[in-house]
Amino acid sequence: MNQKATIIFVCEHGAAKSIIAASYFNKIANEKGLNITAVARGTNPDEVLSPKAIQGLTADNLQVTKSIPQKLLIEEIKSAQKIITFCELSKEYQQGIEMEDWSDVPPVSESYEIARDAILQKLNLLLSNL
């Protein structure tokens, strides 16, 4: 069986935007039968996931697979198909892989719904190009 390709969603704290993006990406990719998966990472991970993100995803009937934010590792970047960033990445993470900047997504702390809708709009475009 072929190993699934991976897309990494990265936000500074790995606790909100990347979690929402990866959760929705995996749901939609699964529904479309795509052989690709997404993971959420942070460059400076918080100790816990954002309560607003968890509440919003739960209300949207989505489950979060990780219970604590995960740090982005250089090894992961090397094997990823694509990196989507919600924050600026330091040079150590810039490994010549295709990166896409989604830093214009509004903060989840201000409104889960607005952030989610902005992420979904970008996800639909991304998935239509895969």
Protein backbone atom coordinates (compact mmCIF):
# COMPACT_ATOMS: atom_id res chain seq x y z
CA MET A 1 0.00 0.00 0.00
CA ASN A 2 1.32 3.44 -0.87
CA GLN A 3 2.24 5.74 1.97
CA LYS A 4 0.03 8.80 2.10
CA ALA A 5 1.55 12.12 1.10
CA THR A 6 1.58 14.71 3.87
CA ILE A 7 0.74 18.38 4.00
CA ILE A 8 1.88 20.25 7.09
CA PHE A 9 -0.11 23.19 8.42
CA VAL A 10 2.05 25.41 10.63
CA CYS A 11 1.04 28.19 12.98
CA GLU A 12 3.20 29.74 15.66
CA HIS A 13 1.62 27.95 18.61
CA GLY A 14 0.31 24.84 16.83
CA ALA A 15 -2.86 25.24 18.85
CA ALA A 16 -5.56 26.81 16.69
CA LYS A 17 -5.28 27.67 12.96
CA SER A 18 -3.13 24.68 12.05
CA ILE A 19 -5.39 22.36 14.07
CA ILE A 20 -8.52 23.66 12.33
CA ALA A 21 -6.90 23.45 8.90
CA ALA A 22 -5.58 19.91 9.38
CA SER A 23 -8.88 18.68 10.84
CA TYR A 24 -10.92 20.04 7.94
CA PHE A 25 -8.34 19.03 5.32
CA ASN A 26 -8.37 15.42 6.53
CA LYS A 27 -12.18 15.31 6.59
CA ILE A 28 -12.51 16.67 3.04
CA ALA A 29 -9.60 14.63 1.63
CA ASN A 30 -11.10 11.47 3.14
CA GLU A 31 -14.51 12.26 1.63
CA LYS A 32 -12.85 12.76 -1.79
CA GLY A 33 -10.79 9.58 -1.46
CA LEU A 34 -7.47 11.42 -1.75
CA ASN A 35 -4.31 9.61 -0.69
CA ILE A 36 -3.02 12.57 1.31
CA THR A 37 -3.14 13.53 4.95
CA ALA A 38 -2.51 16.70 6.92
CA VAL A 39 -0.83 17.34 10.24
CA ALA A 40 -0.78 20.44 12.45
CA ARG A 41 2.46 21.79 13.84
CA GLY A 42 3.78 24.85 15.65
CA THR A 43 7.11 26.65 15.57
CA ASN A 44 6.74 27.59 19.24
CA PRO A 45 4.01 25.23 20.47
CA ASP A 46 1.72 26.07 23.35
CA GLU A 47 1.25 23.54 26.14
CA VAL A 48 -2.43 23.03 25.29
CA LEU A 49 -4.70 23.34 22.29
CA SER A 50 -6.81 26.47 21.94
CA PRO A 51 -10.10 26.02 23.83
CA LYS A 52 -11.87 28.10 21.16
CA ALA A 53 -10.53 25.84 18.40
CA ILE A 54 -11.54 22.68 20.28
CA GLN A 55 -15.02 24.04 21.08
CA GLY A 56 -15.52 25.14 17.48
CA LEU A 57 -14.33 21.86 15.97
CA THR A 58 -16.46 19.89 18.42
CA ALA A 59 -19.51 22.00 17.48
CA ASP A 60 -18.67 21.27 13.82
CA ASN A 61 -18.60 17.51 14.61
CA LEU A 62 -14.87 17.16 13.99
CA GLN A 63 -12.44 15.42 16.29
CA VAL A 64 -8.89 16.56 16.96
CA THR A 65 -6.41 13.70 16.81
CA LYS A 66 -3.68 15.30 18.92
CA SER A 67 -4.29 16.51 22.45
CA ILE A 68 -1.25 18.79 22.70
CA PRO A 69 0.42 21.01 20.08
CA GLN A 70 3.35 19.40 18.27
CA LYS A 71 6.62 21.14 17.32
CA LEU A 72 7.51 21.30 13.62
CA LEU A 73 10.55 19.12 12.96
CA ILE A 74 13.04 19.58 10.12
CA GLU A 75 12.70 15.88 9.23
CA GLU A 76 8.98 16.32 8.65
CA ILE A 77 9.56 19.19 6.24
CA LYS A 78 11.88 17.08 4.11
CA SER A 79 9.22 14.42 3.56
CA ALA A 80 6.17 16.70 3.20
CA GLN A 81 4.47 17.35 -0.10
CA LYS A 82 3.65 20.92 0.90
CA ILE A 83 3.86 23.29 3.85
CA ILE A 84 1.07 25.78 4.56
CA THR A 85 2.11 28.50 6.98
CA PHE A 86 -0.01 30.81 9.09
CA CYS A 87 3.15 32.49 10.41
CA GLU A 88 6.63 33.38 9.23
CA LEU A 89 9.05 30.46 9.30
CA SER A 90 12.66 30.92 10.33
CA LYS A 91 15.41 30.02 7.85
CA GLU A 92 16.02 26.67 9.56
CA TYR A 93 12.59 25.52 8.35
CA GLN A 94 12.98 26.78 4.79
CA GLN A 95 14.17 23.61 3.09
CA GLY A 96 13.33 24.31 -0.53
CA ILE A 97 9.95 22.60 -0.30
CA GLU A 98 6.84 24.23 -1.71
CA MET A 99 5.37 26.60 0.88
CA GLU A 100 2.16 28.57 0.81
CA ASP A 101 1.49 31.56 3.07
CA TRP A 102 -1.95 31.81 4.70
CA SER A 103 -0.96 34.44 7.27
CA ASP A 104 -3.96 36.58 6.29
CA VAL A 105 -6.35 34.25 8.15
CA PRO A 106 -7.81 36.17 11.12
CA PRO A 107 -7.08 35.02 14.69
CA VAL A 108 -9.20 32.21 16.13
CA SER A 109 -9.14 34.05 19.46
CA GLU A 110 -11.25 36.82 17.90
CA SER A 111 -13.75 34.57 16.10
CA TYR A 112 -13.59 30.84 15.49
CA GLU A 113 -16.26 31.08 12.79
CA ILE A 114 -14.53 33.83 10.79
CA ALA A 115 -11.14 32.07 11.01
CA ARG A 116 -12.70 28.71 10.10
CA ASP A 117 -14.52 30.15 7.09
CA ALA A 118 -11.31 31.81 5.83
CA ILE A 119 -9.45 28.53 6.24
CA LEU A 120 -12.20 26.57 4.48
CA GLN A 121 -12.16 28.96 1.53
CA LYS A 122 -8.42 28.41 1.13
CA LEU A 123 -8.74 24.64 1.70
CA ASN A 124 -11.33 24.29 -1.05
CA LEU A 125 -8.99 26.02 -3.50
CA LEU A 126 -6.03 23.92 -2.34
CA LEU A 127 -7.96 20.66 -2.61
CA SER A 128 -9.28 21.51 -6.06
CA ASN A 129 -5.66 21.80 -7.22
CA LEU A 130 -4.47 18.46 -5.80
